[in-house]
């Protein structure tokens, strides 16, 4: 009777150990899947951030180039207007002595 009881306890322990091992494997698989999903999401967010940053930098660069072009046109126009108003040397002659 004691031998049969020991065998039943050993079988129950083996079954318990097997179930624990299966549960551990399932947990590890789930954690691995979660890690991969998280990694994919992080990569997607990084790519999105880089894209937005590049667009902003490009837009900023375009605005800066436009600003410089506008300044160039204004300087040229001012030079043209002053050249017409004050013929060569005329600007210097208008200064008080």
Foldseek 3Di string as FASTA:
>chain_A
DVVVVVVVVVVVVVVVVVVVVVVVVVVVVVVVVVVVVVVVVVVVVVVVVVVVVVVVVVVVVVVVVVVVVVVVVVVVVVVVVCCVVAPVVRVVVPDDD
